[in-house]
C-alpha atoms as a PDB file:
ATOM      1  CA  MET A   1      45.256 -98.614  73.954  1.00  0.00           C
ATOM      2  CA  THR A   2      47.429 -95.863  74.822  1.00  0.00           C
ATOM      3  CA  GLY A   3      46.659 -92.575  77.089  1.00  0.00           C
ATOM      4  CA  ASP A   4      45.551 -90.352  73.908  1.00  0.00           C
ATOM      5  CA  ASP A   5      42.735 -92.915  72.782  1.00  0.00           C
ATOM      6  CA  ARG A   6      42.203 -93.902  76.427  1.00  0.00           C
ATOM      7  CA  SER A   7      41.059 -89.650  77.194  1.00  0.00           C
ATOM      8  CA  ALA A   8      39.297 -89.712  73.876  1.00  0.00           C
ATOM      9  CA  GLY A   9      37.298 -92.368  74.559  1.00  0.00           C
ATOM     10  CA  SER A  10      36.537 -90.878  78.357  1.00  0.00           C
ATOM     11  CA  GLY A  11      35.561 -87.394  76.820  1.00  0.00           C
ATOM     12  CA  VAL A  12      33.209 -89.304  74.282  1.00  0.00           C
ATOM     13  CA  LEU A  13      30.974 -91.014  77.301  1.00  0.00           C
ATOM     14  CA  THR A  14      30.843 -87.572  79.108  1.00  0.00           C
ATOM     15  CA  THR A  15      29.725 -86.003  76.176  1.00  0.00           C
ATOM     16  CA  VAL A  16      26.910 -88.671  75.619  1.00  0.00           C
ATOM     17  CA  GLY A  17      25.970 -88.902  79.059  1.00  0.00           C
ATOM     18  CA  ARG A  18      25.900 -85.400  79.760  1.00  0.00           C
ATOM     19  CA  ASP A  19      23.246 -85.390  75.897  1.00  0.00           C
ATOM     20  CA  LEU A  20      21.249 -88.140  77.714  1.00  0.00           C
ATOM     21  CA  ARG A  21      20.907 -86.333  81.274  1.00  0.00           C
ATOM     22  CA  ALA A  22      20.542 -82.304  79.873  1.00  0.00           C
ATOM     23  CA  PRO A  23      16.954 -83.122  77.530  1.00  0.00           C
ATOM     24  CA  ARG A  24      15.740 -85.286  81.224  1.00  0.00           C
ATOM     25  CA  ALA A  25      16.449 -83.084  83.610  1.00  0.00           C
ATOM     26  CA  ALA A  26      14.159 -80.972  81.007  1.00  0.00           C
ATOM     27  CA  GLY A  27      11.693 -82.730  81.016  1.00  0.00           C
ATOM     28  CA  ALA A  28      12.129 -83.214  85.045  1.00  0.00           C
ATOM     29  CA  ALA A  29      12.301 -79.656  85.395  1.00  0.00           C
ATOM     30  CA  GLY A  30       9.560 -78.649  82.841  1.00  0.00           C
ATOM     31  CA  LEU A  31       6.839 -80.932  84.345  1.00  0.00           C
ATOM     32  CA  LEU A  32       7.851 -79.325  87.916  1.00  0.00           C
ATOM     33  CA  PHE A  33       7.246 -75.884  86.592  1.00  0.00           C
ATOM     34  CA  ALA A  34       4.057 -76.570  85.177  1.00  0.00           C
ATOM     35  CA  VAL A  35       2.640 -78.323  88.417  1.00  0.00           C
ATOM     36  CA  LEU A  36       3.517 -75.911  90.931  1.00  0.00           C
ATOM     37  CA  PHE A  37       2.520 -73.099  88.979  1.00  0.00           C
ATOM     38  CA  ILE A  38      -0.609 -74.294  88.532  1.00  0.00           C
ATOM     39  CA  GLY A  39      -0.833 -75.228  92.345  1.00  0.00           C
ATOM     40  CA  SER A  40       0.511 -71.955  93.677  1.00  0.00           C
ATOM     41  CA  LEU A  41      -2.144 -70.532  90.997  1.00  0.00           C
ATOM     42  CA  LEU A  42      -4.818 -72.635  92.420  1.00  0.00           C
ATOM     43  CA  LEU A  43      -4.173 -72.081  95.741  1.00  0.00           C
ATOM     44  CA  LEU A  44      -3.729 -68.442  95.909  1.00  0.00           C
ATOM     45  CA  GLN A  45      -6.897 -67.750  93.757  1.00  0.00           C
ATOM     46  CA  GLY A  46      -8.906 -69.286  97.339  1.00  0.00           C
ATOM     47  CA  ALA A  47      -7.864 -65.810  98.719  1.00  0.00           C
ATOM     48  CA  PRO A  48     -10.126 -63.596  99.379  1.00  0.00           C
ATOM     49  CA  GLY A  49     -10.168 -61.711  96.258  1.00  0.00           C
ATOM     50  CA  ALA A  50     -11.159 -57.612  95.224  1.00  0.00           C
ATOM     51  CA  GLY A  51     -15.095 -57.081  96.014  1.00  0.00           C
ATOM     52  CA  SER A  52     -14.567 -59.077  98.957  1.00  0.00           C
ATOM     53  CA  SER A  53     -16.612 -57.556 102.261  1.00  0.00           C
ATOM     54  CA  ALA A  54     -14.935 -57.094 105.343  1.00  0.00           C
ATOM     55  CA  ASP A  55     -17.081 -59.746 106.224  1.00  0.00           C
ATOM     56  CA  GLU A  56     -15.894 -62.689 104.277  1.00  0.00           C
ATOM     57  CA  ILE A  57     -12.019 -61.135 104.406  1.00  0.00           C
ATOM     58  CA  ALA A  58     -12.437 -61.558 108.270  1.00  0.00           C
ATOM     59  CA  ARG A  59     -14.381 -65.102 107.995  1.00  0.00           C
ATOM     60  CA  TRP A  60     -10.889 -66.003 105.550  1.00  0.00           C
ATOM     61  CA  TYR A  61      -8.360 -65.127 107.844  1.00  0.00           C
ATOM     62  CA  LEU A  62      -9.826 -66.889 110.892  1.00  0.00           C
ATOM     63  CA  ARG A  63      -9.601 -69.699 109.544  1.00  0.00           C
ATOM     64  CA  THR A  64      -6.242 -71.237 109.873  1.00  0.00           C
ATOM     65  CA  ASP A  65      -5.871 -74.219 107.345  1.00  0.00           C
ATOM     66  CA  ALA A  66      -7.050 -71.280 104.449  1.00  0.00           C
ATOM     67  CA  LYS A  67      -4.161 -68.899 105.414  1.00  0.00           C
ATOM     68  CA  HIS A  68      -1.823 -72.099 105.335  1.00  0.00           C
ATOM     69  CA  LEU A  69      -2.734 -72.648 101.974  1.00  0.00           C
ATOM     70  CA  GLY A  70      -2.475 -69.474 101.111  1.00  0.00           C
ATOM     71  CA  ILE A  71       1.255 -69.640 102.610  1.00  0.00           C
ATOM     72  CA  VAL A  72       2.001 -72.589 100.417  1.00  0.00           C
ATOM     73  CA  GLY A  73       0.534 -71.689  97.343  1.00  0.00           C
ATOM     74  CA  LEU A  74       2.870 -68.087  98.187  1.00  0.00           C
ATOM     75  CA  TYR A  75       5.675 -70.264  98.666  1.00  0.00           C
ATOM     76  CA  LEU A  76       5.085 -72.706  95.489  1.00  0.00           C
ATOM     77  CA  ALA A  77       5.736 -69.661  93.242  1.00  0.00           C
ATOM     78  CA  PRO A  78       9.410 -68.981  93.706  1.00  0.00           C
ATOM     79  CA  PHE A  79      10.114 -72.761  93.185  1.00  0.00           C
ATOM     80  CA  ALA A  80       8.202 -72.840  90.124  1.00  0.00           C
ATOM     81  CA  GLY A  81      10.150 -70.245  88.859  1.00  0.00           C
ATOM     82  CA  ILE A  82      13.336 -72.084  89.996  1.00  0.00           C
ATOM     83  CA  ALA A  83      12.246 -74.927  87.639  1.00  0.00           C
ATOM     84  CA  PHE A  84      11.606 -72.653  85.137  1.00  0.00           C
ATOM     85  CA  LEU A  85      14.923 -71.219  84.896  1.00  0.00           C
ATOM     86  CA  TRP A  86      16.531 -74.818  85.084  1.00  0.00           C
ATOM     87  CA  PHE A  87      13.771 -75.372  82.173  1.00  0.00           C
ATOM     88  CA  ILE A  88      15.170 -72.651  80.020  1.00  0.00           C
ATOM     89  CA  ALA A  89      19.081 -73.366  80.585  1.00  0.00           C
ATOM     90  CA  VAL A  90      18.689 -77.463  79.543  1.00  0.00           C
ATOM     91  CA  ILE A  91      16.495 -75.938  76.449  1.00  0.00           C
ATOM     92  CA  ARG A  92      19.246 -73.988  75.112  1.00  0.00           C
ATOM     93  CA  SER A  93      21.323 -77.299  76.109  1.00  0.00           C
ATOM     94  CA  HIS A  94      19.039 -79.333  73.516  1.00  0.00           C
ATOM     95  CA  ILE A  95      19.179 -77.072  70.972  1.00  0.00           C
ATOM     96  CA  GLY A  96      23.005 -76.972  71.500  1.00  0.00           C
ATOM     97  CA  GLU A  97      25.381 -74.835  68.632  1.00  0.00           C
ATOM     98  CA  ARG A  98      22.753 -75.294  66.080  1.00  0.00           C
ATOM     99  CA  GLU A  99      20.364 -72.685  67.913  1.00  0.00           C
ATOM    100  CA  ASP A 100      20.126 -68.790  65.910  1.00  0.00           C
ATOM    101  CA  GLN A 101      21.932 -65.806  68.189  1.00  0.00           C
ATOM    102  CA  PHE A 102      19.099 -63.462  67.183  1.00  0.00           C
ATOM    103  CA  PHE A 103      16.347 -65.972  68.546  1.00  0.00           C
ATOM    104  CA  ALA A 104      18.158 -67.200  71.497  1.00  0.00           C
ATOM    105  CA  THR A 105      18.694 -63.632  72.539  1.00  0.00           C
ATOM    106  CA  VAL A 106      14.751 -63.435  72.575  1.00  0.00           C
ATOM    107  CA  PHE A 107      14.255 -66.668  73.982  1.00  0.00           C
ATOM    108  CA  LEU A 108      16.514 -65.824  76.929  1.00  0.00           C
ATOM    109  CA  GLY A 109      15.080 -62.442  77.590  1.00  0.00           C
ATOM    110  CA  SER A 110      10.970 -63.356  77.585  1.00  0.00           C
ATOM    111  CA  GLY A 111      11.817 -66.243  79.993  1.00  0.00           C
ATOM    112  CA  LEU A 112      13.430 -64.180  82.051  1.00  0.00           C
ATOM    113  CA  LEU A 113      10.718 -61.984  82.478  1.00  0.00           C
ATOM    114  CA  PHE A 114       8.490 -63.963  82.796  1.00  0.00           C
ATOM    115  CA  VAL A 115      10.184 -65.451  86.096  1.00  0.00           C
ATOM    116  CA  ALA A 116      10.565 -61.779  87.716  1.00  0.00           C
ATOM    117  CA  MET A 117       6.927 -61.045  86.693  1.00  0.00           C
ATOM    118  CA  LEU A 118       5.756 -64.538  88.030  1.00  0.00           C
ATOM    119  CA  PHE A 119       7.561 -63.343  91.491  1.00  0.00           C
ATOM    120  CA  VAL A 120       6.222 -60.451  91.750  1.00  0.00           C
ATOM    121  CA  ALA A 121       2.702 -61.435  91.047  1.00  0.00           C
ATOM    122  CA  ALA A 122       3.204 -63.627  93.485  1.00  0.00           C
ATOM    123  CA  ALA A 123       4.784 -61.110  96.398  1.00  0.00           C
ATOM    124  CA  ALA A 124       1.654 -58.601  95.647  1.00  0.00           C
ATOM    125  CA  ALA A 125      -0.971 -61.455  95.967  1.00  0.00           C
ATOM    126  CA  GLY A 126       0.429 -62.756  99.450  1.00  0.00           C
ATOM    127  CA  ALA A 127       1.627 -58.956 100.265  1.00  0.00           C
ATOM    128  CA  PRO A 128      -1.676 -59.130 102.428  1.00  0.00           C
ATOM    129  CA  LEU A 129      -1.773 -62.395 103.998  1.00  0.00           C
ATOM    130  CA  VAL A 130       2.357 -62.193 104.842  1.00  0.00           C
ATOM    131  CA  SER A 131       1.968 -59.200 106.939  1.00  0.00           C
ATOM    132  CA  VAL A 132      -0.916 -60.319 109.165  1.00  0.00           C
ATOM    133  CA  LYS A 133       0.691 -63.564 109.701  1.00  0.00           C
ATOM    134  CA  PHE A 134       4.157 -62.650 109.632  1.00  0.00           C
ATOM    135  CA  GLN A 135       4.043 -59.026 110.702  1.00  0.00           C
ATOM    136  CA  GLY A 136       0.717 -59.323 112.899  1.00  0.00           C
ATOM    137  CA  ALA A 137      -0.688 -56.207 111.205  1.00  0.00           C
ATOM    138  CA  PRO A 138      -4.556 -56.031 111.620  1.00  0.00           C
ATOM    139  CA  LEU A 139      -6.827 -57.556 108.967  1.00  0.00           C
ATOM    140  CA  PRO A 140      -6.684 -56.447 105.295  1.00  0.00           C
ATOM    141  CA  SER A 141      -9.249 -53.951 104.552  1.00  0.00           C
ATOM    142  CA  PRO A 142     -11.219 -54.359 101.236  1.00  0.00           C
ATOM    143  CA  ASP A 143      -9.286 -51.603  99.600  1.00  0.00           C
ATOM    144  CA  ALA A 144      -6.142 -53.295 100.545  1.00  0.00           C
ATOM    145  CA  ILE A 145      -7.161 -56.451  99.272  1.00  0.00           C
ATOM    146  CA  GLY A 146      -8.500 -55.176  96.060  1.00  0.00           C
ATOM    147  CA  LEU A 147      -4.636 -53.035  95.359  1.00  0.00           C
ATOM    148  CA  ALA A 148      -3.386 -56.189  96.076  1.00  0.00           C
ATOM    149  CA  ARG A 149      -5.179 -58.690  93.496  1.00  0.00           C
ATOM    150  CA  ALA A 150      -5.322 -55.813  91.218  1.00  0.00           C
ATOM    151  CA  LEU A 151      -1.369 -55.670  91.154  1.00  0.00           C
ATOM    152  CA  ALA A 152      -0.961 -59.273  91.324  1.00  0.00           C
ATOM    153  CA  TYR A 153      -3.904 -59.529  88.068  1.00  0.00           C
ATOM    154  CA  THR A 154      -1.754 -56.889  86.155  1.00  0.00           C
ATOM    155  CA  PHE A 155       1.592 -58.243  86.724  1.00  0.00           C
ATOM    156  CA  LEU A 156       0.440 -62.023  85.998  1.00  0.00           C
ATOM    157  CA  TYR A 157      -2.089 -61.933  83.436  1.00  0.00           C
ATOM    158  CA  VAL A 158      -1.275 -58.213  81.502  1.00  0.00           C
ATOM    159  CA  TYR A 159       2.625 -58.524  81.253  1.00  0.00           C
ATOM    160  CA  ALA A 160       3.864 -62.245  82.521  1.00  0.00           C
ATOM    161  CA  VAL A 161       1.409 -63.864  80.332  1.00  0.00           C
ATOM    162  CA  ARG A 162       3.252 -61.502  76.876  1.00  0.00           C
ATOM    163  CA  ALA A 163       6.245 -62.627  77.600  1.00  0.00           C
ATOM    164  CA  ALA A 164       5.184 -65.988  78.426  1.00  0.00           C
ATOM    165  CA  ALA A 165       4.151 -65.610  74.271  1.00  0.00           C
ATOM    166  CA  VAL A 166       7.227 -64.165  73.344  1.00  0.00           C
ATOM    167  CA  PHE A 167       9.048 -66.934  75.041  1.00  0.00           C
ATOM    168  CA  MET A 168       7.178 -69.422  73.152  1.00  0.00           C
ATOM    169  CA  ILE A 169       7.800 -67.777  69.733  1.00  0.00           C
ATOM    170  CA  ALA A 170      11.101 -67.971  70.045  1.00  0.00           C
ATOM    171  CA  VAL A 171      11.589 -71.634  71.233  1.00  0.00           C
ATOM    172  CA  SER A 172       9.086 -72.502  68.358  1.00  0.00           C
ATOM    173  CA  THR A 173      11.124 -71.008  65.522  1.00  0.00           C
ATOM    174  CA  LEU A 174      14.307 -72.072  67.149  1.00  0.00           C
ATOM    175  CA  ALA A 175      12.602 -75.814  67.105  1.00  0.00           C
ATOM    176  CA  LEU A 176      11.369 -75.075  63.669  1.00  0.00           C
ATOM    177  CA  ARG A 177      14.950 -74.238  62.594  1.00  0.00           C
ATOM    178  CA  THR A 178      16.699 -76.460  63.648  1.00  0.00           C
ATOM    179  CA  ALA A 179      14.483 -79.853  63.837  1.00  0.00           C
ATOM    180  CA  SER A 180      14.732 -80.412  67.667  1.00  0.00           C
ATOM    181  CA  LEU A 181      10.908 -80.508  68.293  1.00  0.00           C
ATOM    182  CA  PRO A 182       8.376 -82.542  65.606  1.00  0.00           C
ATOM    183  CA  ARG A 183       6.607 -80.127  63.542  1.00  0.00           C
ATOM    184  CA  TRP A 184       2.945 -80.587  65.346  1.00  0.00           C
ATOM    185  CA  LEU A 185       4.242 -79.064  68.563  1.00  0.00           C
ATOM    186  CA  VAL A 186       6.498 -76.055  66.663  1.00  0.00           C
ATOM    187  CA  ILE A 187       2.794 -75.402  66.255  1.00  0.00           C
ATOM    188  CA  VAL A 188       0.695 -75.367  68.130  1.00  0.00           C
ATOM    189  CA  GLY A 189       2.765 -73.258  69.989  1.00  0.00           C
ATOM    190  CA  TYR A 190       2.701 -70.524  67.454  1.00  0.00           C
ATOM    191  CA  VAL A 191      -1.057 -71.007  68.005  1.00  0.00           C
ATOM    192  CA  THR A 192      -0.412 -70.610  71.712  1.00  0.00           C
ATOM    193  CA  ALA A 193       1.007 -67.659  71.535  1.00  0.00           C
ATOM    194  CA  ALA A 194      -0.504 -65.888  69.443  1.00  0.00           C
ATOM    195  CA  LEU A 195      -4.111 -66.664  71.778  1.00  0.00           C
ATOM    196  CA  MET A 196      -1.803 -65.674  74.536  1.00  0.00           C
ATOM    197  CA  LEU A 197      -0.870 -62.114  72.775  1.00  0.00           C
ATOM    198  CA  LEU A 198      -3.813 -61.402  71.537  1.00  0.00           C
ATOM    199  CA  SER A 199      -6.293 -62.627  74.339  1.00  0.00           C
ATOM    200  CA  VAL A 200      -7.930 -59.415  76.614  1.00  0.00           C
ATOM    201  CA  SER A 201      -6.325 -59.741  80.013  1.00  0.00           C
ATOM    202  CA  PHE A 202      -9.380 -60.450  81.704  1.00  0.00           C
ATOM    203  CA  PHE A 203      -9.445 -64.098  80.474  1.00  0.00           C
ATOM    204  CA  LYS A 204      -7.860 -65.572  83.359  1.00  0.00           C
ATOM    205  CA  PHE A 205      -7.590 -69.389  81.907  1.00  0.00           C
ATOM    206  CA  VAL A 206      -5.646 -68.280  78.926  1.00  0.00           C
ATOM    207  CA  VAL A 207      -2.530 -68.338  81.565  1.00  0.00           C
ATOM    208  CA  LEU A 208      -2.776 -71.995  81.984  1.00  0.00           C
ATOM    209  CA  LEU A 209      -2.402 -72.939  78.353  1.00  0.00           C
ATOM    210  CA  PHE A 210       1.604 -71.464  79.385  1.00  0.00           C
ATOM    211  CA  PRO A 211       2.234 -74.269  81.672  1.00  0.00           C
ATOM    212  CA  LEU A 212       0.587 -77.144  79.310  1.00  0.00           C
ATOM    213  CA  TRP A 213       2.730 -76.069  76.827  1.00  0.00           C
ATOM    214  CA  VAL A 214       5.954 -76.393  78.994  1.00  0.00           C
ATOM    215  CA  ALA A 215       4.429 -80.003  79.844  1.00  0.00           C
ATOM    216  CA  ALA A 216       4.055 -81.627  76.385  1.00  0.00           C
ATOM    217  CA  VAL A 217       7.305 -79.846  75.445  1.00  0.00           C
ATOM    218  CA  SER A 218       9.048 -81.859  78.819  1.00  0.00           C
ATOM    219  CA  ILE A 219       7.464 -84.814  77.921  1.00  0.00           C
ATOM    220  CA  VAL A 220       8.608 -84.796  73.995  1.00  0.00           C
ATOM    221  CA  ILE A 221      12.298 -84.400  74.987  1.00  0.00           C
ATOM    222  CA  LEU A 222      12.287 -87.149  77.735  1.00  0.00           C
ATOM    223  CA  PHE A 223      10.679 -89.402  75.406  1.00  0.00           C
ATOM    224  CA  THR A 224      12.698 -88.723  72.516  1.00  0.00           C
ATOM    225  CA  ALA A 225      16.102 -88.192  74.286  1.00  0.00           C
ATOM    226  CA  ARG A 226      18.138 -91.198  72.831  1.00  0.00           C
ATOM    227  CA  LEU A 227      22.340 -91.044  71.979  1.00  0.00           C
ATOM    228  CA  PRO A 228      23.433 -88.493  69.607  1.00  0.00           C
ATOM    229  CA  ASP A 229      23.659 -89.299  65.786  1.00  0.00           C
ATOM    230  CA  ALA A 230      25.969 -88.779  63.131  1.00  0.00           C
ATOM    231  CA  SER A 231      24.390 -85.254  62.547  1.00  0.00           C
ATOM    232  CA  ARG A 232      25.096 -83.267  65.731  1.00  0.00           C
ATOM    233  CA  PRO A 233      27.767 -81.743  66.056  1.00  0.00           C
ATOM    234  CA  GLY A 234      30.864 -83.547  68.321  1.00  0.00           C
ATOM    235  CA  SER A 235      27.887 -86.859  68.325  1.00  0.00           C
ATOM    236  CA  GLY A 236      29.335 -90.037  68.330  1.00  0.00           C
ATOM    237  CA  GLY A 237      29.032 -90.965  64.935  1.00  0.00           C
ATOM    238  CA  SER A 238      30.742 -88.047  63.377  1.00  0.00           C
ATOM    239  CA  THR A 239      33.861 -88.777  65.536  1.00  0.00           C
ATOM    240  CA  ASP A 240      33.690 -92.615  64.193  1.00  0.00           C
ATOM    241  CA  SER A 241      33.302 -91.585  60.638  1.00  0.00           C
ATOM    242  CA  SER A 242      36.200 -89.235  60.423  1.00  0.00           C
ATOM    243  CA  ALA A 243      38.500 -92.061  62.755  1.00  0.00           C
ATOM    244  CA  SER A 244      37.536 -94.695  59.630  1.00  0.00           C
ATOM    245  CA  GLY A 245      38.268 -92.086  56.830  1.00  0.00           C
ATOM    246  CA  THR A 246      41.578 -91.359  58.787  1.00  0.00           C
ATOM    247  CA  ALA A 247      42.744 -94.871  59.161  1.00  0.00           C
END
């Protein structure tokens, strides 16, 4: 075997390894995002909300376990965003060169915007707790709690939900054109995105549709990860066929 043959074989193995790792990484990152996002949301929801009295706020902040759970929820949010960024990157790798530039741009922009809105919403929701826990501030008043929760609510349920819906539409369209995801999952993505775009903003559970959809995409990618076939550009099958034709 010549040096050129060894180099070509090494290149094919590297490509195969990358194609196998990328879908599995996407699946792991998507499932991690779903778990962290839902966990963060549930823990931060336990903090005093708008309409809480001064006595209710004081009782909650005097509970050490409650404050610790709130801090854990606050710190889960950035890790959920990081996992989602990884999910974005490997979804692009999964689609590969077949992606449409227009929808790929919308897909990337809406995904980054969702992460930004998630970070801002978590910061707004956790600001009163951080000020008391780490800055020695007095207990927040009901008005301060109401303002912080309203900001978090607006960023998450009004803006982040819409960015997530646009992300789902772009991914579903790319998957439909490239046949990189099952058709039933594409239809679910379109229907869920429509619900998220048109839903009334105060319906809190609508935001949970997004991590559930990400988890479904991740599971499908995990169970359909396979060696590249002859139909994909740069795959081993096309290399073998061209080599046999040359011979």
